[in-house]
PDB file of all heavy atoms in Angstrom:
ATOM      1  N   VAL A   1       0.876  -1.167  -0.035  1.00  0.00           N
ATOM      2  CA  VAL A   1       0.041   0.017   0.066  1.00  0.00           C
ATOM      3  C   VAL A   1       0.907   1.185   0.023  1.00  0.00           C
ATOM      4  O   VAL A   1       1.825   1.340   0.845  1.00  0.00           O
ATOM      5  CB  VAL A   1      -0.990  -0.005   1.195  1.00  0.00           C
ATOM      6  CG1 VAL A   1      -2.065  -1.010   0.976  1.00  0.00           C
ATOM      7  CG2 VAL A   1      -0.209  -0.270   2.550  1.00  0.00           C
ATOM      8  N   MET A   2       0.631   2.051  -0.977  1.00  0.00           N
ATOM      9  CA  MET A   2       1.608   3.222  -1.157  1.00  0.00           C
ATOM     10  C   MET A   2       1.343   4.469  -0.457  1.00  0.00           C
ATOM     11  O   MET A   2       2.174   5.519  -0.567  1.00  0.00           O
ATOM     12  CB  MET A   2       1.672   3.435  -2.680  1.00  0.00           C
ATOM     13  CG  MET A   2       1.878   2.182  -3.594  1.00  0.00           C
ATOM     14  SD  MET A   2       3.328   1.198  -2.987  1.00  0.00           S
ATOM     15  CE  MET A   2       4.719   2.232  -3.348  1.00  0.00           C
ATOM     16  N   SER A   3       0.225   4.594   0.351  1.00  0.00           N
ATOM     17  CA  SER A   3       0.028   5.832   1.074  1.00  0.00           C
ATOM     18  C   SER A   3      -0.823   5.452   2.248  1.00  0.00           C
ATOM     19  O   SER A   3      -1.460   4.316   2.268  1.00  0.00           O
ATOM     20  CB  SER A   3      -0.661   6.772   0.132  1.00  0.00           C
ATOM     21  OG  SER A   3      -2.071   6.413  -0.102  1.00  0.00           O
ATOM     22  N   ALA A   4      -0.975   6.354   3.215  1.00  0.00           N
ATOM     23  CA  ALA A   4      -1.814   6.098   4.400  1.00  0.00           C
ATOM     24  C   ALA A   4      -3.282   6.032   3.956  1.00  0.00           C
ATOM     25  O   ALA A   4      -3.963   5.186   4.528  1.00  0.00           O
ATOM     26  CB  ALA A   4      -1.536   7.181   5.425  1.00  0.00           C
ATOM     27  N   GLU A   5      -3.637   6.752   3.015  1.00  0.00           N
ATOM     28  CA  GLU A   5      -5.019   6.826   2.562  1.00  0.00           C
ATOM     29  C   GLU A   5      -5.335   5.494   1.821  1.00  0.00           C
ATOM     30  O   GLU A   5      -6.438   4.947   2.069  1.00  0.00           O
ATOM     31  CB  GLU A   5      -5.249   7.982   1.479  1.00  0.00           C
ATOM     32  CG  GLU A   5      -5.365   9.330   2.159  1.00  0.00           C
ATOM     33  CD  GLU A   5      -6.324   9.399   3.236  1.00  0.00           C
ATOM     34  OE1 GLU A   5      -7.549   8.860   3.017  1.00  0.00           O
ATOM     35  OE2 GLU A   5      -6.116  10.000   4.303  1.00  0.00           O
ATOM     36  N   GLU A   6      -4.415   4.903   1.069  1.00  0.00           N
ATOM     37  CA  GLU A   6      -4.711   3.652   0.442  1.00  0.00           C
ATOM     38  C   GLU A   6      -4.719   2.658   1.570  1.00  0.00           C
ATOM     39  O   GLU A   6      -5.627   1.650   1.434  1.00  0.00           O
ATOM     40  CB  GLU A   6      -3.558   3.307  -0.546  1.00  0.00           C
ATOM     41  CG  GLU A   6      -3.740   1.985  -1.329  1.00  0.00           C
ATOM     42  CD  GLU A   6      -2.707   1.648  -2.227  1.00  0.00           C
ATOM     43  OE1 GLU A   6      -1.792   2.530  -2.427  1.00  0.00           O
ATOM     44  OE2 GLU A   6      -2.661   0.497  -2.732  1.00  0.00           O
ATOM     45  N   ALA A   7      -3.967   2.696   2.514  1.00  0.00           N
ATOM     46  CA  ALA A   7      -4.000   1.744   3.626  1.00  0.00           C
ATOM     47  C   ALA A   7      -5.238   1.843   4.391  1.00  0.00           C
ATOM     48  O   ALA A   7      -5.897   0.693   4.737  1.00  0.00           O
ATOM     49  CB  ALA A   7      -2.766   1.985   4.653  1.00  0.00           C
ATOM     50  N   LYS A   8      -5.824   2.919   4.587  1.00  0.00           N
ATOM     51  CA  LYS A   8      -7.135   3.119   5.286  1.00  0.00           C
ATOM     52  C   LYS A   8      -8.266   2.425   4.444  1.00  0.00           C
ATOM     53  O   LYS A   8      -9.134   1.770   5.003  1.00  0.00           O
ATOM     54  CB  LYS A   8      -7.476   4.544   5.545  1.00  0.00           C
ATOM     55  CG  LYS A   8      -6.630   5.286   6.696  1.00  0.00           C
ATOM     56  CD  LYS A   8      -7.015   6.714   6.787  1.00  0.00           C
ATOM     57  CE  LYS A   8      -6.104   7.377   7.828  1.00  0.00           C
ATOM     58  NZ  LYS A   8      -6.473   8.787   7.990  1.00  0.00           N
ATOM     59  N   ARG A   9      -8.302   2.675   3.151  1.00  0.00           N
ATOM     60  CA  ARG A   9      -9.271   2.028   2.289  1.00  0.00           C
ATOM     61  C   ARG A   9      -9.212   0.541   2.362  1.00  0.00           C
ATOM     62  O   ARG A   9     -10.225  -0.171   2.474  1.00  0.00           O
ATOM     63  CB  ARG A   9      -9.242   2.593   0.888  1.00  0.00           C
ATOM     64  CG  ARG A   9      -9.519   4.056   0.747  1.00  0.00           C
ATOM     65  CD  ARG A   9      -9.743   4.299  -0.702  1.00  0.00           C
ATOM     66  NE  ARG A   9      -8.483   4.226  -1.414  1.00  0.00           N
ATOM     67  CZ  ARG A   9      -7.610   5.134  -1.645  1.00  0.00           C
ATOM     68  NH1 ARG A   9      -7.763   6.404  -1.130  1.00  0.00           N
ATOM     69  NH2 ARG A   9      -6.461   4.965  -2.381  1.00  0.00           N
ATOM     70  N   ALA A  10      -7.986  -0.020   2.250  1.00  0.00           N
ATOM     71  CA  ALA A  10      -7.759  -1.434   2.374  1.00  0.00           C
ATOM     72  C   ALA A  10      -8.157  -1.999   3.739  1.00  0.00           C
ATOM     73  O   ALA A  10      -8.759  -3.050   3.796  1.00  0.00           O
ATOM     74  CB  ALA A  10      -6.339  -1.774   2.018  1.00  0.00           C
ATOM     75  N   ALA A  11      -7.799  -1.277   4.771  1.00  0.00           N
ATOM     76  CA  ALA A  11      -8.115  -1.759   6.096  1.00  0.00           C
ATOM     77  C   ALA A  11      -9.663  -1.846   6.269  1.00  0.00           C
ATOM     78  O   ALA A  11     -10.156  -2.770   6.996  1.00  0.00           O
ATOM     79  CB  ALA A  11      -7.511  -0.750   7.024  1.00  0.00           C
ATOM     80  N   ASP A  12     -10.370  -0.918   5.692  1.00  0.00           N
ATOM     81  CA  ASP A  12     -11.883  -0.924   5.889  1.00  0.00           C
ATOM     82  C   ASP A  12     -12.398  -2.257   5.187  1.00  0.00           C
ATOM     83  O   ASP A  12     -13.380  -2.764   5.628  1.00  0.00           O
ATOM     84  CB  ASP A  12     -12.494   0.251   5.196  1.00  0.00           C
ATOM     85  CG  ASP A  12     -12.274   1.514   6.008  1.00  0.00           C
ATOM     86  OD1 ASP A  12     -11.960   1.468   7.128  1.00  0.00           O
ATOM     87  OD2 ASP A  12     -12.276   2.661   5.422  1.00  0.00           O
ATOM     88  N   ARG A  13     -11.753  -2.654   4.123  1.00  0.00           N
ATOM     89  CA  ARG A  13     -12.203  -3.869   3.383  1.00  0.00           C
ATOM     90  C   ARG A  13     -11.857  -5.113   4.189  1.00  0.00           C
ATOM     91  O   ARG A  13     -12.641  -6.098   4.295  1.00  0.00           O
ATOM     92  CB  ARG A  13     -11.604  -4.001   1.951  1.00  0.00           C
ATOM     93  CG  ARG A  13     -11.950  -2.952   1.033  1.00  0.00           C
ATOM     94  CD  ARG A  13     -11.604  -3.403  -0.322  1.00  0.00           C
ATOM     95  NE  ARG A  13     -10.171  -3.555  -0.541  1.00  0.00           N
ATOM     96  CZ  ARG A  13      -9.344  -2.514  -0.859  1.00  0.00           C
ATOM     97  NH1 ARG A  13      -9.771  -1.363  -1.064  1.00  0.00           N
ATOM     98  NH2 ARG A  13      -7.949  -2.766  -0.929  1.00  0.00           N
ATOM     99  N   ILE A  14     -10.639  -5.240   4.855  1.00  0.00           N
ATOM    100  CA  ILE A  14     -10.203  -6.300   5.518  1.00  0.00           C
ATOM    101  C   ILE A  14     -10.808  -6.454   6.821  1.00  0.00           C
ATOM    102  O   ILE A  14     -11.277  -7.502   7.326  1.00  0.00           O
ATOM    103  CB  ILE A  14      -8.643  -6.215   5.740  1.00  0.00           C
ATOM    104  CG1 ILE A  14      -7.873  -6.319   4.401  1.00  0.00           C
ATOM    105  CG2 ILE A  14      -8.109  -7.376   6.561  1.00  0.00           C
ATOM    106  CD1 ILE A  14      -6.401  -5.989   4.422  1.00  0.00           C
ATOM    107  N   GLY A  15     -10.952  -5.318   7.576  1.00  0.00           N
ATOM    108  CA  GLY A  15     -11.452  -5.292   8.885  1.00  0.00           C
ATOM    109  C   GLY A  15     -10.431  -5.290   9.985  1.00  0.00           C
ATOM    110  O   GLY A  15      -9.348  -5.868   9.859  1.00  0.00           O
ATOM    111  N   TYR A  16     -10.772  -4.573  11.077  1.00  0.00           N
ATOM    112  CA  TYR A  16      -9.823  -4.579  12.212  1.00  0.00           C
ATOM    113  C   TYR A  16      -9.983  -5.688  13.175  1.00  0.00           C
ATOM    114  O   TYR A  16     -11.244  -6.202  13.233  1.00  0.00           O
ATOM    115  CB  TYR A  16      -9.869  -3.118  12.854  1.00  0.00           C
ATOM    116  CG  TYR A  16      -9.527  -1.927  12.012  1.00  0.00           C
ATOM    117  CD1 TYR A  16     -10.391  -1.376  11.125  1.00  0.00           C
ATOM    118  CD2 TYR A  16      -8.165  -1.523  12.120  1.00  0.00           C
ATOM    119  CE1 TYR A  16     -10.091  -0.311  10.415  1.00  0.00           C
ATOM    120  CE2 TYR A  16      -7.819  -0.458  11.344  1.00  0.00           C
ATOM    121  CZ  TYR A  16      -8.761   0.174  10.461  1.00  0.00           C
ATOM    122  OH  TYR A  16      -8.390   1.204   9.723  1.00  0.00           O
ATOM    123  N   PRO A  17      -9.058  -6.082  13.956  1.00  0.00           N
ATOM    124  CA  PRO A  17      -7.711  -5.638  13.952  1.00  0.00           C
ATOM    125  C   PRO A  17      -6.929  -6.170  12.835  1.00  0.00           C
ATOM    126  O   PRO A  17      -7.337  -7.215  12.263  1.00  0.00           O
ATOM    127  CB  PRO A  17      -7.130  -6.146  15.344  1.00  0.00           C
ATOM    128  CG  PRO A  17      -7.915  -7.407  15.560  1.00  0.00           C
ATOM    129  CD  PRO A  17      -9.294  -6.994  15.036  1.00  0.00           C
ATOM    130  N   LEU A  18      -5.772  -5.611  12.450  1.00  0.00           N
ATOM    131  CA  LEU A  18      -5.004  -6.083  11.402  1.00  0.00           C
ATOM    132  C   LEU A  18      -3.470  -5.780  11.585  1.00  0.00           C
ATOM    133  O   LEU A  18      -3.196  -4.984  12.644  1.00  0.00           O
ATOM    134  CB  LEU A  18      -5.449  -5.445  10.054  1.00  0.00           C
ATOM    135  CG  LEU A  18      -5.575  -3.967   9.953  1.00  0.00           C
ATOM    136  CD1 LEU A  18      -4.272  -3.221   9.800  1.00  0.00           C
ATOM    137  CD2 LEU A  18      -6.521  -3.633   8.842  1.00  0.00           C
ATOM    138  N   MET A  19      -2.679  -6.391  10.783  1.00  0.00           N
ATOM    139  CA  MET A  19      -1.168  -6.244  10.928  1.00  0.00           C
ATOM    140  C   MET A  19      -0.632  -5.353   9.823  1.00  0.00           C
ATOM    141  O   MET A  19      -1.056  -5.500   8.638  1.00  0.00           O
ATOM    142  CB  MET A  19      -0.542  -7.564  10.970  1.00  0.00           C
ATOM    143  CG  MET A  19      -0.884  -8.428  12.184  1.00  0.00           C
ATOM    144  SD  MET A  19      -0.419  -7.861  13.726  1.00  0.00           S
ATOM    145  CE  MET A  19       1.363  -7.881  13.652  1.00  0.00           C
ATOM    146  N   LEU A  20       0.237  -4.414  10.097  1.00  0.00           N
ATOM    147  CA  LEU A  20       0.940  -3.661   9.150  1.00  0.00           C
ATOM    148  C   LEU A  20       2.291  -4.165   9.101  1.00  0.00           C
ATOM    149  O   LEU A  20       3.030  -4.259  10.163  1.00  0.00           O
ATOM    150  CB  LEU A  20       0.904  -2.207   9.522  1.00  0.00           C
ATOM    151  CG  LEU A  20       1.383  -1.120   8.536  1.00  0.00           C
ATOM    152  CD1 LEU A  20       0.538  -1.096   7.293  1.00  0.00           C
ATOM    153  CD2 LEU A  20       1.353   0.180   9.256  1.00  0.00           C
ATOM    154  N   LYS A  21       2.826  -4.688   7.903  1.00  0.00           N
ATOM    155  CA  LYS A  21       4.008  -5.372   7.814  1.00  0.00           C
ATOM    156  C   LYS A  21       5.021  -4.903   6.736  1.00  0.00           C
ATOM    157  O   LYS A  21       4.414  -4.409   5.623  1.00  0.00           O
ATOM    158  CB  LYS A  21       3.884  -6.835   7.669  1.00  0.00           C
ATOM    159  CG  LYS A  21       3.308  -7.601   8.894  1.00  0.00           C
ATOM    160  CD  LYS A  21       3.267  -9.007   8.611  1.00  0.00           C
ATOM    161  CE  LYS A  21       2.921  -9.855   9.865  1.00  0.00           C
ATOM    162  NZ  LYS A  21       3.008 -11.307   9.655  1.00  0.00           N
ATOM    163  N   ALA A  22       6.248  -4.892   6.913  1.00  0.00           N
ATOM    164  CA  ALA A  22       7.290  -4.516   5.841  1.00  0.00           C
ATOM    165  C   ALA A  22       7.236  -5.590   4.726  1.00  0.00           C
ATOM    166  O   ALA A  22       7.190  -6.807   5.032  1.00  0.00           O
ATOM    167  CB  ALA A  22       8.679  -4.473   6.348  1.00  0.00           C
ATOM    168  N   CYS A  23       7.259  -5.164   3.444  1.00  0.00           N
ATOM    169  CA  CYS A  23       7.255  -6.139   2.375  1.00  0.00           C
ATOM    170  C   CYS A  23       8.600  -6.809   2.268  1.00  0.00           C
ATOM    171  O   CYS A  23       8.592  -7.982   1.755  1.00  0.00           O
ATOM    172  CB  CYS A  23       6.994  -5.394   1.062  1.00  0.00           C
ATOM    173  SG  CYS A  23       5.278  -4.783   0.830  1.00  0.00           S
ATOM    174  N   ALA A  24       9.642  -6.235   2.695  1.00  0.00           N
ATOM    175  CA  ALA A  24      11.031  -6.754   2.654  1.00  0.00           C
ATOM    176  C   ALA A  24      11.468  -6.998   4.050  1.00  0.00           C
ATOM    177  O   ALA A  24      10.986  -6.543   5.031  1.00  0.00           O
ATOM    178  CB  ALA A  24      11.994  -5.857   1.887  1.00  0.00           C
ATOM    179  N   GLY A  25      12.476  -7.871   4.159  1.00  0.00           N
ATOM    180  CA  GLY A  25      13.126  -8.075   5.460  1.00  0.00           C
ATOM    181  C   GLY A  25      12.441  -9.028   6.384  1.00  0.00           C
ATOM    182  O   GLY A  25      11.514  -9.789   6.000  1.00  0.00           O
ATOM    183  N   GLY A  26      12.807  -8.874   7.641  1.00  0.00           N
ATOM    184  CA  GLY A  26      12.193  -9.828   8.691  1.00  0.00           C
ATOM    185  C   GLY A  26      12.679  -9.478  10.046  1.00  0.00           C
ATOM    186  O   GLY A  26      13.053  -8.313  10.265  1.00  0.00           O
ATOM    187  N   GLY A  27      12.682 -10.470  10.924  1.00  0.00           N
ATOM    188  CA  GLY A  27      13.191 -10.300  12.215  1.00  0.00           C
ATOM    189  C   GLY A  27      12.332  -9.389  13.121  1.00  0.00           C
ATOM    190  O   GLY A  27      12.816  -8.804  14.054  1.00  0.00           O
ATOM    191  N   GLY A  28      11.021  -9.256  12.760  1.00  0.00           N
ATOM    192  CA  GLY A  28      10.140  -8.480  13.526  1.00  0.00           C
ATOM    193  C   GLY A  28      10.160  -6.953  13.379  1.00  0.00           C
ATOM    194  O   GLY A  28       9.476  -6.186  13.989  1.00  0.00           O
ATOM    195  N   ARG A  29      10.925  -6.526  12.299  1.00  0.00           N
ATOM    196  CA  ARG A  29      11.140  -5.067  12.083  1.00  0.00           C
ATOM    197  C   ARG A  29       9.972  -4.658  11.168  1.00  0.00           C
ATOM    198  O   ARG A  29       9.579  -5.306  10.170  1.00  0.00           O
ATOM    199  CB  ARG A  29      12.448  -4.788  11.451  1.00  0.00           C
ATOM    200  CG  ARG A  29      13.677  -5.286  12.207  1.00  0.00           C
ATOM    201  CD  ARG A  29      13.855  -4.533  13.501  1.00  0.00           C
ATOM    202  NE  ARG A  29      14.153  -3.193  13.288  1.00  0.00           N
ATOM    203  CZ  ARG A  29      15.342  -2.736  12.994  1.00  0.00           C
ATOM    204  NH1 ARG A  29      16.420  -3.578  12.929  1.00  0.00           N
ATOM    205  NH2 ARG A  29      15.571  -1.432  12.880  1.00  0.00           N
ATOM    206  N   GLY A  30       9.615  -3.402  11.339  1.00  0.00           N
ATOM    207  CA  GLY A  30       8.493  -2.905  10.394  1.00  0.00           C
ATOM    208  C   GLY A  30       7.117  -3.416  10.592  1.00  0.00           C
ATOM    209  O   GLY A  30       6.312  -3.392   9.660  1.00  0.00           O
ATOM    210  N   ILE A  31       6.830  -3.922  11.763  1.00  0.00           N
ATOM    211  CA  ILE A  31       5.526  -4.615  12.066  1.00  0.00           C
ATOM    212  C   ILE A  31       4.764  -3.847  13.065  1.00  0.00           C
ATOM    213  O   ILE A  31       5.341  -3.419  14.143  1.00  0.00           O
ATOM    214  CB  ILE A  31       5.728  -6.035  12.550  1.00  0.00           C
ATOM    215  CG1 ILE A  31       6.400  -6.942  11.478  1.00  0.00           C
ATOM    216  CG2 ILE A  31       4.395  -6.675  12.924  1.00  0.00           C
ATOM    217  CD1 ILE A  31       6.685  -8.274  11.892  1.00  0.00           C
ATOM    218  N   ARG A  32       3.453  -3.552  12.865  1.00  0.00           N
ATOM    219  CA  ARG A  32       2.642  -2.931  13.737  1.00  0.00           C
ATOM    220  C   ARG A  32       1.182  -3.613  13.856  1.00  0.00           C
ATOM    221  O   ARG A  32       0.679  -4.052  12.778  1.00  0.00           O
ATOM    222  CB  ARG A  32       2.360  -1.396  13.259  1.00  0.00           C
ATOM    223  CG  ARG A  32       3.676  -0.569  13.227  1.00  0.00           C
ATOM    224  CD  ARG A  32       4.229  -0.282  14.622  1.00  0.00           C
ATOM    225  NE  ARG A  32       5.267   0.659  14.552  1.00  0.00           N
ATOM    226  CZ  ARG A  32       6.553   0.400  14.314  1.00  0.00           C
ATOM    227  NH1 ARG A  32       6.898  -0.824  14.034  1.00  0.00           N
ATOM    228  NH2 ARG A  32       7.384   1.316  14.275  1.00  0.00           N
ATOM    229  N   LEU A  33       0.701  -3.717  14.915  1.00  0.00           N
ATOM    230  CA  LEU A  33      -0.666  -4.153  15.158  1.00  0.00           C
ATOM    231  C   LEU A  33      -1.583  -3.059  15.218  1.00  0.00           C
ATOM    232  O   LEU A  33      -1.468  -2.108  16.102  1.00  0.00           O
ATOM    233  CB  LEU A  33      -0.657  -5.028  16.504  1.00  0.00           C
ATOM    234  CG  LEU A  33      -2.124  -5.484  16.951  1.00  0.00           C
ATOM    235  CD1 LEU A  33      -2.743  -6.333  15.846  1.00  0.00           C
ATOM    236  CD2 LEU A  33      -2.110  -6.319  18.262  1.00  0.00           C
ATOM    237  N   ILE A  34      -2.629  -2.990  14.342  1.00  0.00           N
ATOM    238  CA  ILE A  34      -3.569  -1.877  14.352  1.00  0.00           C
ATOM    239  C   ILE A  34      -4.951  -2.308  14.802  1.00  0.00           C
ATOM    240  O   ILE A  34      -5.462  -3.243  14.218  1.00  0.00           O
ATOM    241  CB  ILE A  34      -3.612  -1.268  12.884  1.00  0.00           C
ATOM    242  CG1 ILE A  34      -2.248  -1.116  12.287  1.00  0.00           C
ATOM    243  CG2 ILE A  34      -4.424  -0.030  12.964  1.00  0.00           C
ATOM    244  CD1 ILE A  34      -1.390  -0.095  13.025  1.00  0.00           C
ATOM    245  N   HIS A  35      -5.460  -1.631  15.779  1.00  0.00           N
ATOM    246  CA  HIS A  35      -6.744  -2.075  16.345  1.00  0.00           C
ATOM    247  C   HIS A  35      -7.911  -1.186  15.737  1.00  0.00           C
ATOM    248  O   HIS A  35      -9.055  -1.630  15.756  1.00  0.00           O
ATOM    249  CB  HIS A  35      -6.844  -1.858  17.842  1.00  0.00           C
ATOM    250  CG  HIS A  35      -5.978  -2.867  18.563  1.00  0.00           C
ATOM    251  ND1 HIS A  35      -4.688  -2.596  18.961  1.00  0.00           N
ATOM    252  CD2 HIS A  35      -6.307  -4.186  18.916  1.00  0.00           C
ATOM    253  CE1 HIS A  35      -4.147  -3.745  19.551  1.00  0.00           C
ATOM    254  NE2 HIS A  35      -5.136  -4.649  19.595  1.00  0.00           N
ATOM    255  N   SER A  36      -7.657   0.054  15.288  1.00  0.00           N
ATOM    256  CA  SER A  36      -8.720   0.990  14.833  1.00  0.00           C
ATOM    257  C   SER A  36      -8.159   1.906  13.844  1.00  0.00           C
ATOM    258  O   SER A  36      -6.926   2.063  13.672  1.00  0.00           O
ATOM    259  CB  SER A  36      -9.300   1.743  16.089  1.00  0.00           C
ATOM    260  OG  SER A  36      -8.285   2.581  16.461  1.00  0.00           O
ATOM    261  N   PRO A  37      -9.049   2.572  13.027  1.00  0.00           N
ATOM    262  CA  PRO A  37      -8.598   3.563  12.075  1.00  0.00           C
ATOM    263  C   PRO A  37      -7.848   4.623  12.571  1.00  0.00           C
ATOM    264  O   PRO A  37      -6.897   5.156  11.930  1.00  0.00           O
ATOM    265  CB  PRO A  37      -9.900   4.083  11.445  1.00  0.00           C
ATOM    266  CG  PRO A  37     -10.926   2.975  11.696  1.00  0.00           C
ATOM    267  CD  PRO A  37     -10.552   2.416  12.981  1.00  0.00           C
ATOM    268  N   ASP A  38      -7.998   5.040  13.906  1.00  0.00           N
ATOM    269  CA  ASP A  38      -7.278   6.130  14.476  1.00  0.00           C
ATOM    270  C   ASP A  38      -5.841   5.846  14.604  1.00  0.00           C
ATOM    271  O   ASP A  38      -5.045   6.728  14.670  1.00  0.00           O
ATOM    272  CB  ASP A  38      -7.850   6.481  15.929  1.00  0.00           C
ATOM    273  CG  ASP A  38      -9.378   6.948  15.855  1.00  0.00           C
ATOM    274  OD1 ASP A  38      -9.694   7.331  14.708  1.00  0.00           O
ATOM    275  OD2 ASP A  38     -10.023   6.820  16.768  1.00  0.00           O
ATOM    276  N   GLU A  39      -5.443   4.564  14.728  1.00  0.00           N
ATOM    277  CA  GLU A  39      -4.065   4.235  14.909  1.00  0.00           C
ATOM    278  C   GLU A  39      -3.246   4.061  13.552  1.00  0.00           C
ATOM    279  O   GLU A  39      -2.025   3.985  13.628  1.00  0.00           O
ATOM    280  CB  GLU A  39      -4.023   2.765  15.698  1.00  0.00           C
ATOM    281  CG  GLU A  39      -4.609   2.877  17.068  1.00  0.00           C
ATOM    282  CD  GLU A  39      -4.608   1.510  17.680  1.00  0.00           C
ATOM    283  OE1 GLU A  39      -3.929   0.561  17.194  1.00  0.00           O
ATOM    284  OE2 GLU A  39      -5.210   1.267  18.724  1.00  0.00           O
ATOM    285  N   LEU A  40      -4.039   4.032  12.450  1.00  0.00           N
ATOM    286  CA  LEU A  40      -3.317   3.560  11.257  1.00  0.00           C
ATOM    287  C   LEU A  40      -2.430   4.600  10.671  1.00  0.00           C
ATOM    288  O   LEU A  40      -1.285   4.215  10.360  1.00  0.00           O
ATOM    289  CB  LEU A  40      -4.447   3.266  10.198  1.00  0.00           C
ATOM    290  CG  LEU A  40      -3.934   2.658   8.943  1.00  0.00           C
ATOM    291  CD1 LEU A  40      -3.157   1.413   9.151  1.00  0.00           C
ATOM    292  CD2 LEU A  40      -5.114   2.379   8.016  1.00  0.00           C
ATOM    293  N   GLU A  41      -2.734   5.911  10.704  1.00  0.00           N
ATOM    294  CA  GLU A  41      -1.816   6.776   9.955  1.00  0.00           C
ATOM    295  C   GLU A  41      -0.506   6.914  10.544  1.00  0.00           C
ATOM    296  O   GLU A  41       0.567   6.814   9.848  1.00  0.00           O
ATOM    297  CB  GLU A  41      -2.534   8.185   9.885  1.00  0.00           C
ATOM    298  CG  GLU A  41      -1.738   9.197   9.012  1.00  0.00           C
ATOM    299  CD  GLU A  41      -2.452  10.439   8.720  1.00  0.00           C
ATOM    300  OE1 GLU A  41      -3.642  10.466   9.029  1.00  0.00           O
ATOM    301  OE2 GLU A  41      -1.911  11.405   8.129  1.00  0.00           O
ATOM    302  N   ASP A  42      -0.433   7.152  11.851  1.00  0.00           N
ATOM    303  CA  ASP A  42       0.901   7.259  12.546  1.00  0.00           C
ATOM    304  C   ASP A  42       1.676   6.068  12.480  1.00  0.00           C
ATOM    305  O   ASP A  42       2.920   6.080  12.220  1.00  0.00           O
ATOM    306  CB  ASP A  42       0.679   7.606  14.070  1.00  0.00           C
ATOM    307  CG  ASP A  42       0.276   9.047  14.215  1.00  0.00           C
ATOM    308  OD1 ASP A  42       0.370   9.829  13.282  1.00  0.00           O
ATOM    309  OD2 ASP A  42      -0.214   9.433  15.334  1.00  0.00           O
ATOM    310  N   ASN A  43       0.927   4.818  12.656  1.00  0.00           N
ATOM    311  CA  ASN A  43       1.774   3.575  12.511  1.00  0.00           C
ATOM    312  C   ASN A  43       2.213   3.277  11.133  1.00  0.00           C
ATOM    313  O   ASN A  43       3.254   2.660  10.931  1.00  0.00           O
ATOM    314  CB  ASN A  43       0.773   2.393  13.088  1.00  0.00           C
ATOM    315  CG  ASN A  43       0.893   2.327  14.530  1.00  0.00           C
ATOM    316  OD1 ASN A  43       1.795   1.879  15.089  1.00  0.00           O
ATOM    317  ND2 ASN A  43      -0.166   2.803  15.158  1.00  0.00           N
TER     318      ASN A  43
END
């Protein structure tokens, strides 16, 4: 997802809670648990 706005639209389709993850790498980096729309933009 290339922007916070695109992420919000996708999150509405998937439903909360959801995980925000890095496309590359691993080791737990770039991962966030999102419970509500209010948390999405900053995360």
